[in-house]
């Protein structure tokens, strides 16, 4: 059974938030075509294996 958003592990929620914020920051600095998974993960201080 899948957990609801409220019951989701806080580490997962934090990681998703950091990745989203990193993506948005990259998007404000670069064109979409120039954005890489590596760049997003480095900015979010997360492993690319998370994605």
Protein backbone atom coordinates (compact mmCIF):
# COMPACT_ATOMS: atom_id res chain seq x y z
CA UNK A 1 0.00 0.00 0.00
CA UNK A 2 1.33 3.42 -0.94
CA UNK A 3 1.73 5.99 1.79
CA UNK A 4 -0.04 9.32 1.57
CA UNK A 5 1.99 12.50 1.20
CA UNK A 6 1.55 13.31 4.90
CA UNK A 7 2.98 9.94 5.92
CA UNK A 8 5.89 10.09 3.47
CA UNK A 9 9.38 9.85 4.94
CA UNK A 10 10.71 13.32 5.75
CA UNK A 11 14.03 12.48 4.07
CA UNK A 12 12.20 11.81 0.82
CA UNK A 13 10.24 15.05 1.08
CA UNK A 14 13.42 17.00 1.84
CA UNK A 15 15.26 15.46 -1.11
CA UNK A 16 12.40 16.21 -3.50
CA UNK A 17 12.27 19.80 -2.26
CA UNK A 18 16.02 20.27 -2.68
CA UNK A 19 15.98 18.77 -6.17
CA UNK A 20 13.06 20.98 -7.21
CA UNK A 21 14.74 24.11 -5.85
CA UNK A 22 18.01 23.17 -7.57
CA UNK A 23 16.18 22.65 -10.86
CA UNK A 24 14.45 26.01 -10.58
CA UNK A 25 17.76 27.73 -9.76
CA UNK A 26 19.42 26.09 -12.76
CA UNK A 27 16.49 27.14 -14.95
CA UNK A 28 16.90 30.76 -13.87
CA UNK A 29 20.58 30.70 -14.85
CA UNK A 30 20.60 28.48 -17.96
CA UNK A 31 18.38 27.50 -20.83
CA UNK A 32 16.47 24.24 -20.48
CA UNK A 33 18.73 22.55 -23.03
CA UNK A 34 21.84 23.38 -20.98
CA UNK A 35 20.56 21.90 -17.72
CA UNK A 36 21.99 18.53 -16.74
CA UNK A 37 21.06 15.97 -14.11
CA UNK A 38 24.60 16.23 -12.79
CA UNK A 39 24.25 20.00 -12.36
CA UNK A 40 20.94 19.70 -10.54
CA UNK A 41 22.24 16.98 -8.23
CA UNK A 42 25.43 18.86 -7.43
CA UNK A 43 23.45 21.96 -6.54
CA UNK A 44 21.02 19.92 -4.41
CA UNK A 45 23.93 18.03 -2.80
CA UNK A 46 22.31 14.77 -3.79
CA UNK A 47 23.42 11.68 -5.72
CA UNK A 48 22.25 11.25 -9.29
CA UNK A 49 21.11 7.77 -8.25
CA UNK A 50 18.23 9.42 -6.41
CA UNK A 51 16.64 10.25 -9.73
